[in-house]
Amino acid sequence: MQFAASFIEYLVTGSLALLWLVPLCHRLRPDMVDILTKLSPFTIWTAILLALVYVVGLMLDFVAYELIHGQRKAIRKELADLDGRYKAALKSRGIDDLAGNAFIWYKAPELAKALAAYSSRDRIARGATLNFAIAAIVDALILWSNPASLVVGAAFLALTCLAYFAWFHYQSESWELKKEAVITILERGDSPNSRS
C-alpha cells in the first residue's frame, strides 16, 4: 500500500514538472514536443514518459525536501508546547523520538494509515511548491518576450506561494495529529509492550 502511495506521489510531482519541462524541451528542440504529440498513446513512448515522470518526481521530491526542510523549524516553533509534551511523554516511557511512527502503527493501525495519507498530501504540496517555482523561472527565462508570459509567470508565482502555504499548513496539521495521538495513547497507560 505504501509503495502505491509513493508511486502516485512521485507521478503527481513528476507530472507537474511537465509544466516546465515541456516549454524547456520545446525551446531547446522545437520538434521534440511535436514528435511526442504525434505518437500513439499506446506506444513505447508512453511507458518511457511514465518512467521518466516517476524518476523526475522522485528527484524533485528529494530536492523539495532539502529546500523546505529548514522551514520545519518554524513549524516546531509554532508547536513548541506540544513538542515538549510529546518528547516528555516518550521519554517517560523510554521510547526513542524516532520510534513515534512505529508506536502508532503498533497501537493504532487505522490512525497510522490516516497519518500516512496526511504525509502523502504533505509530499505532494511540497513537490508542487518546487514545480511551480521552477515553472515560473522557466517561463521568465524562455517566454519573457511574450506579454502573455507575464500573466502565466505571475500565476506560477501565486501557485508557488499557495502550494508553500498549503504544505506548511498540512505539515503542521500532520505533526500535531501524530504528537497528540502518541501523547493520548501513552496517557492512557499504554506502553510499547502492551497492545490494546
C-alpha atoms as a PDB file:
ATOM      1  CA  MET A   1       0.000   0.000   0.000  1.00  0.00           C
ATOM      2  CA  GLN A   2       2.746   2.456   0.927  1.00  0.00           C
ATOM      3  CA  PHE A   3       4.574   1.699  -2.348  1.00  0.00           C
ATOM      4  CA  ALA A   4       1.418   2.504  -4.312  1.00  0.00           C
ATOM      5  CA  ALA A   5       1.008   5.788  -2.426  1.00  0.00           C
ATOM      6  CA  SER A   6       4.638   6.738  -3.056  1.00  0.00           C
ATOM      7  CA  PHE A   7       4.302   5.764  -6.711  1.00  0.00           C
ATOM      8  CA  ILE A   8       1.288   8.064  -7.091  1.00  0.00           C
ATOM      9  CA  GLU A   9       3.008  10.902  -5.203  1.00  0.00           C
ATOM     10  CA  TYR A  10       6.045  10.769  -7.465  1.00  0.00           C
ATOM     11  CA  LEU A  11       3.851  10.546 -10.572  1.00  0.00           C
ATOM     12  CA  VAL A  12       1.908  13.619  -9.469  1.00  0.00           C
ATOM     13  CA  THR A  13       5.105  15.545  -8.700  1.00  0.00           C
ATOM     14  CA  GLY A  14       6.715  14.387 -11.945  1.00  0.00           C
ATOM     15  CA  SER A  15       3.602  15.222 -13.954  1.00  0.00           C
ATOM     16  CA  LEU A  16       3.611  18.740 -12.532  1.00  0.00           C
ATOM     17  CA  ALA A  17       7.189  19.001 -13.790  1.00  0.00           C
ATOM     18  CA  LEU A  18       5.754  18.812 -17.302  1.00  0.00           C
ATOM     19  CA  LEU A  19       4.627  22.420 -16.716  1.00  0.00           C
ATOM     20  CA  TRP A  20       8.243  23.474 -17.081  1.00  0.00           C
ATOM     21  CA  LEU A  21       9.817  20.506 -18.885  1.00  0.00           C
ATOM     22  CA  VAL A  22       7.626  20.811 -21.990  1.00  0.00           C
ATOM     23  CA  PRO A  23       8.359  24.522 -22.591  1.00  0.00           C
ATOM     24  CA  LEU A  24      12.040  23.918 -21.843  1.00  0.00           C
ATOM     25  CA  CYS A  25      12.225  20.976 -24.287  1.00  0.00           C
ATOM     26  CA  HIS A  26      10.274  22.952 -26.878  1.00  0.00           C
ATOM     27  CA  ARG A  27      12.724  25.832 -26.558  1.00  0.00           C
ATOM     28  CA  LEU A  28      15.775  23.566 -26.833  1.00  0.00           C
ATOM     29  CA  ARG A  29      14.369  21.379 -29.610  1.00  0.00           C
ATOM     30  CA  PRO A  30      11.063  22.653 -31.041  1.00  0.00           C
ATOM     31  CA  ASP A  31      10.302  19.473 -32.952  1.00  0.00           C
ATOM     32  CA  MET A  32      10.577  17.230 -29.848  1.00  0.00           C
ATOM     33  CA  VAL A  33       7.162  18.161 -28.488  1.00  0.00           C
ATOM     34  CA  ASP A  34       5.620  17.750 -31.947  1.00  0.00           C
ATOM     35  CA  ILE A  35       7.140  14.285 -32.307  1.00  0.00           C
ATOM     36  CA  LEU A  36       5.824  13.175 -28.909  1.00  0.00           C
ATOM     37  CA  THR A  37       2.319  14.534 -29.537  1.00  0.00           C
ATOM     38  CA  LYS A  38       2.045  12.693 -32.873  1.00  0.00           C
ATOM     39  CA  LEU A  39       2.838   9.317 -31.323  1.00  0.00           C
ATOM     40  CA  SER A  40       0.031   6.993 -30.353  1.00  0.00           C
ATOM     41  CA  PRO A  41      -0.580   6.954 -26.612  1.00  0.00           C
ATOM     42  CA  PHE A  42      -0.128   3.175 -26.664  1.00  0.00           C
ATOM     43  CA  THR A  43       3.453   3.245 -27.902  1.00  0.00           C
ATOM     44  CA  ILE A  44       6.620   2.533 -26.021  1.00  0.00           C
ATOM     45  CA  TRP A  45       6.958   6.294 -25.524  1.00  0.00           C
ATOM     46  CA  THR A  46       4.112   6.211 -23.048  1.00  0.00           C
ATOM     47  CA  ALA A  47       5.994   3.761 -20.877  1.00  0.00           C
ATOM     48  CA  ILE A  48       9.188   5.768 -21.235  1.00  0.00           C
ATOM     49  CA  LEU A  49       7.380   9.001 -20.359  1.00  0.00           C
ATOM     50  CA  LEU A  50       5.702   7.351 -17.362  1.00  0.00           C
ATOM     51  CA  ALA A  51       9.043   6.079 -16.088  1.00  0.00           C
ATOM     52  CA  LEU A  52      10.664   9.453 -16.719  1.00  0.00           C
ATOM     53  CA  VAL A  53       7.884  11.295 -14.906  1.00  0.00           C
ATOM     54  CA  TYR A  54       8.228   8.908 -11.943  1.00  0.00           C
ATOM     55  CA  VAL A  55      12.006   9.392 -11.716  1.00  0.00           C
ATOM     56  CA  VAL A  56      11.728  13.170 -12.127  1.00  0.00           C
ATOM     57  CA  GLY A  57       9.077  13.167  -9.382  1.00  0.00           C
ATOM     58  CA  LEU A  58      11.345  11.136  -7.099  1.00  0.00           C
ATOM     59  CA  MET A  59      14.261  13.526  -7.631  1.00  0.00           C
ATOM     60  CA  LEU A  60      12.105  16.633  -7.259  1.00  0.00           C
ATOM     61  CA  ASP A  61      10.662  15.305  -4.005  1.00  0.00           C
ATOM     62  CA  PHE A  62      14.201  14.948  -2.660  1.00  0.00           C
ATOM     63  CA  VAL A  63      15.192  18.451  -3.794  1.00  0.00           C
ATOM     64  CA  ALA A  64      11.972  19.948  -2.416  1.00  0.00           C
ATOM     65  CA  TYR A  65      12.523  18.166   0.907  1.00  0.00           C
ATOM     66  CA  GLU A  66      16.059  19.553   1.147  1.00  0.00           C
ATOM     67  CA  LEU A  67      14.963  23.087   0.218  1.00  0.00           C
ATOM     68  CA  ILE A  68      11.971  23.215   2.543  1.00  0.00           C
ATOM     69  CA  HIS A  69      13.479  21.183   5.387  1.00  0.00           C
ATOM     70  CA  GLY A  70      14.692  24.324   7.138  1.00  0.00           C
ATOM     71  CA  GLN A  71      11.136  25.637   7.285  1.00  0.00           C
ATOM     72  CA  ARG A  72      10.240  22.791   9.629  1.00  0.00           C
ATOM     73  CA  LYS A  73      11.886  24.803  12.420  1.00  0.00           C
ATOM     74  CA  ALA A  74       9.097  27.352  12.078  1.00  0.00           C
ATOM     75  CA  ILE A  75       6.539  24.575  12.468  1.00  0.00           C
ATOM     76  CA  ARG A  76       8.361  23.228  15.517  1.00  0.00           C
ATOM     77  CA  LYS A  77       8.387  26.725  16.992  1.00  0.00           C
ATOM     78  CA  GLU A  78       4.655  27.019  16.335  1.00  0.00           C
ATOM     79  CA  LEU A  79       4.068  23.682  18.071  1.00  0.00           C
ATOM     80  CA  ALA A  80       6.708  24.127  20.813  1.00  0.00           C
ATOM     81  CA  ASP A  81       4.373  23.360  23.730  1.00  0.00           C
ATOM     82  CA  LEU A  82       3.006  20.255  22.057  1.00  0.00           C
ATOM     83  CA  ASP A  83       6.514  19.179  21.040  1.00  0.00           C
ATOM     84  CA  GLY A  84       7.654  19.456  24.657  1.00  0.00           C
ATOM     85  CA  ARG A  85       4.732  17.350  25.914  1.00  0.00           C
ATOM     86  CA  TYR A  86       5.375  14.818  23.138  1.00  0.00           C
ATOM     87  CA  LYS A  87       9.060  14.415  23.973  1.00  0.00           C
ATOM     88  CA  ALA A  88       8.310  14.202  27.700  1.00  0.00           C
ATOM     89  CA  ALA A  89       5.662  11.510  27.126  1.00  0.00           C
ATOM     90  CA  LEU A  90       8.063   9.462  25.017  1.00  0.00           C
ATOM     91  CA  LYS A  91      10.918   9.899  27.466  1.00  0.00           C
ATOM     92  CA  SER A  92       8.758   8.861  30.433  1.00  0.00           C
ATOM     93  CA  ARG A  93       8.151   5.519  28.681  1.00  0.00           C
ATOM     94  CA  GLY A  94      11.687   5.133  27.381  1.00  0.00           C
ATOM     95  CA  ILE A  95      10.618   5.466  23.747  1.00  0.00           C
ATOM     96  CA  ASP A  96      13.009   6.979  21.229  1.00  0.00           C
ATOM     97  CA  ASP A  97      11.688  10.041  19.376  1.00  0.00           C
ATOM     98  CA  LEU A  98      12.169   8.278  16.035  1.00  0.00           C
ATOM     99  CA  ALA A  99      10.010   5.358  17.206  1.00  0.00           C
ATOM    100  CA  GLY A 100       6.850   7.508  17.395  1.00  0.00           C
ATOM    101  CA  ASN A 101       5.571   6.386  13.988  1.00  0.00           C
ATOM    102  CA  ALA A 102       6.268   2.713  14.705  1.00  0.00           C
ATOM    103  CA  PHE A 103       4.496   3.067  18.036  1.00  0.00           C
ATOM    104  CA  ILE A 104       1.396   4.478  16.322  1.00  0.00           C
ATOM    105  CA  TRP A 105       1.446   1.661  13.730  1.00  0.00           C
ATOM    106  CA  TYR A 106       1.612  -0.851  16.590  1.00  0.00           C
ATOM    107  CA  LYS A 107      -1.027   0.718  18.853  1.00  0.00           C
ATOM    108  CA  ALA A 108      -3.415   2.365  16.360  1.00  0.00           C
ATOM    109  CA  PRO A 109      -3.037   0.998  12.805  1.00  0.00           C
ATOM    110  CA  GLU A 110      -6.051   2.916  11.432  1.00  0.00           C
ATOM    111  CA  LEU A 111      -4.649   6.174  12.763  1.00  0.00           C
ATOM    112  CA  ALA A 112      -1.277   5.274  11.237  1.00  0.00           C
ATOM    113  CA  LYS A 113      -2.975   4.850   7.853  1.00  0.00           C
ATOM    114  CA  ALA A 114      -4.564   8.283   8.216  1.00  0.00           C
ATOM    115  CA  LEU A 115      -1.174   9.776   9.098  1.00  0.00           C
ATOM    116  CA  ALA A 116       0.356   8.092   6.042  1.00  0.00           C
ATOM    117  CA  ALA A 117      -2.339   9.712   3.885  1.00  0.00           C
ATOM    118  CA  TYR A 118      -1.589  13.081   5.514  1.00  0.00           C
ATOM    119  CA  SER A 119       2.105  12.550   4.814  1.00  0.00           C
ATOM    120  CA  SER A 120       1.299  11.837   1.178  1.00  0.00           C
ATOM    121  CA  ARG A 121      -0.621  15.110   0.955  1.00  0.00           C
ATOM    122  CA  ASP A 122       2.349  16.923   2.549  1.00  0.00           C
ATOM    123  CA  ARG A 123       4.786  15.499  -0.025  1.00  0.00           C
ATOM    124  CA  ILE A 124       2.541  16.407  -2.955  1.00  0.00           C
ATOM    125  CA  ALA A 125       2.214  20.007  -1.702  1.00  0.00           C
ATOM    126  CA  ARG A 126       5.994  20.165  -1.208  1.00  0.00           C
ATOM    127  CA  GLY A 127       6.617  18.893  -4.758  1.00  0.00           C
ATOM    128  CA  ALA A 128       4.047  21.299  -6.177  1.00  0.00           C
ATOM    129  CA  THR A 129       5.834  24.204  -4.485  1.00  0.00           C
ATOM    130  CA  LEU A 130       9.098  23.366  -6.233  1.00  0.00           C
ATOM    131  CA  ASN A 131       7.454  22.629  -9.597  1.00  0.00           C
ATOM    132  CA  PHE A 132       5.521  25.885  -9.680  1.00  0.00           C
ATOM    133  CA  ALA A 133       8.660  27.820  -8.717  1.00  0.00           C
ATOM    134  CA  ILE A 134      10.667  26.149 -11.500  1.00  0.00           C
ATOM    135  CA  ALA A 135       7.795  26.747 -13.947  1.00  0.00           C
ATOM    136  CA  ALA A 136       7.852  30.464 -13.058  1.00  0.00           C
ATOM    137  CA  ILE A 137      11.613  30.614 -13.629  1.00  0.00           C
ATOM    138  CA  VAL A 138      11.436  28.718 -16.937  1.00  0.00           C
ATOM    139  CA  ASP A 139       8.557  30.947 -18.029  1.00  0.00           C
ATOM    140  CA  ALA A 140      10.582  34.044 -17.193  1.00  0.00           C
ATOM    141  CA  LEU A 141      13.714  32.796 -18.978  1.00  0.00           C
ATOM    142  CA  ILE A 142      12.144  31.296 -22.082  1.00  0.00           C
ATOM    143  CA  LEU A 143       8.960  33.180 -22.733  1.00  0.00           C
ATOM    144  CA  TRP A 144       9.954  36.604 -21.389  1.00  0.00           C
ATOM    145  CA  SER A 145       9.390  38.329 -24.734  1.00  0.00           C
ATOM    146  CA  ASN A 146       5.737  37.254 -24.871  1.00  0.00           C
ATOM    147  CA  PRO A 147       3.418  39.667 -22.995  1.00  0.00           C
ATOM    148  CA  ALA A 148       1.078  36.814 -22.062  1.00  0.00           C
ATOM    149  CA  SER A 149       4.047  35.215 -20.325  1.00  0.00           C
ATOM    150  CA  LEU A 150       3.837  37.830 -17.579  1.00  0.00           C
ATOM    151  CA  VAL A 151       0.365  36.584 -16.682  1.00  0.00           C
ATOM    152  CA  VAL A 152       1.494  32.949 -16.789  1.00  0.00           C
ATOM    153  CA  GLY A 153       4.590  33.742 -14.713  1.00  0.00           C
ATOM    154  CA  ALA A 154       2.515  35.636 -12.159  1.00  0.00           C
ATOM    155  CA  ALA A 155       0.108  32.691 -11.977  1.00  0.00           C
ATOM    156  CA  PHE A 156       3.013  30.293 -11.370  1.00  0.00           C
ATOM    157  CA  LEU A 157       4.374  32.571  -8.636  1.00  0.00           C
ATOM    158  CA  ALA A 158       0.951  32.722  -6.997  1.00  0.00           C
ATOM    159  CA  LEU A 159       0.663  28.930  -7.223  1.00  0.00           C
ATOM    160  CA  THR A 160       4.150  28.599  -5.700  1.00  0.00           C
ATOM    161  CA  CYS A 161       3.079  30.686  -2.710  1.00  0.00           C
ATOM    162  CA  LEU A 162      -0.223  28.871  -2.379  1.00  0.00           C
ATOM    163  CA  ALA A 163       1.440  25.435  -2.556  1.00  0.00           C
ATOM    164  CA  TYR A 164       4.035  26.500   0.032  1.00  0.00           C
ATOM    165  CA  PHE A 165       1.402  27.742   2.474  1.00  0.00           C
ATOM    166  CA  ALA A 166      -0.628  24.573   1.870  1.00  0.00           C
ATOM    167  CA  TRP A 167       2.469  22.485   2.622  1.00  0.00           C
ATOM    168  CA  PHE A 168       3.170  24.479   5.812  1.00  0.00           C
ATOM    169  CA  HIS A 169      -0.425  24.059   6.976  1.00  0.00           C
ATOM    170  CA  TYR A 170      -0.595  20.356   6.103  1.00  0.00           C
ATOM    171  CA  GLN A 171       2.792  19.593   7.668  1.00  0.00           C
ATOM    172  CA  SER A 172       1.773  21.383  10.887  1.00  0.00           C
ATOM    173  CA  GLU A 173      -1.522  19.513  10.948  1.00  0.00           C
ATOM    174  CA  SER A 174       0.199  16.151  10.403  1.00  0.00           C
ATOM    175  CA  TRP A 175       2.748  16.733  13.141  1.00  0.00           C
ATOM    176  CA  GLU A 176       0.084  17.950  15.539  1.00  0.00           C
ATOM    177  CA  LEU A 177      -2.095  14.892  14.943  1.00  0.00           C
ATOM    178  CA  LYS A 178       0.843  12.490  15.302  1.00  0.00           C
ATOM    179  CA  LYS A 179       2.100  14.044  18.514  1.00  0.00           C
ATOM    180  CA  GLU A 180      -1.343  14.347  20.101  1.00  0.00           C
ATOM    181  CA  ALA A 181      -2.028  10.707  19.194  1.00  0.00           C
ATOM    182  CA  VAL A 182       1.164   9.449  20.825  1.00  0.00           C
ATOM    183  CA  ILE A 183       0.557  11.555  23.936  1.00  0.00           C
ATOM    184  CA  THR A 184      -3.041  10.291  24.207  1.00  0.00           C
ATOM    185  CA  ILE A 185      -2.020   6.661  23.769  1.00  0.00           C
ATOM    186  CA  LEU A 186       0.712   6.999  26.388  1.00  0.00           C
ATOM    187  CA  GLU A 187      -1.530   8.892  28.826  1.00  0.00           C
ATOM    188  CA  ARG A 188      -3.996   6.007  28.642  1.00  0.00           C
ATOM    189  CA  GLY A 189      -1.234   3.977  30.190  1.00  0.00           C
ATOM    190  CA  ASP A 190      -0.291   2.041  27.077  1.00  0.00           C
ATOM    191  CA  SER A 191       3.327   1.148  26.696  1.00  0.00           C
ATOM    192  CA  PRO A 192       5.154  -0.105  23.634  1.00  0.00           C
ATOM    193  CA  ASN A 193       4.947  -3.654  25.002  1.00  0.00           C
ATOM    194  CA  SER A 194       1.176  -3.712  25.633  1.00  0.00           C
ATOM    195  CA  ARG A 195      -1.152  -3.955  22.699  1.00  0.00           C
ATOM    196  CA  SER A 196      -4.722  -2.709  23.069  1.00  0.00           C
END
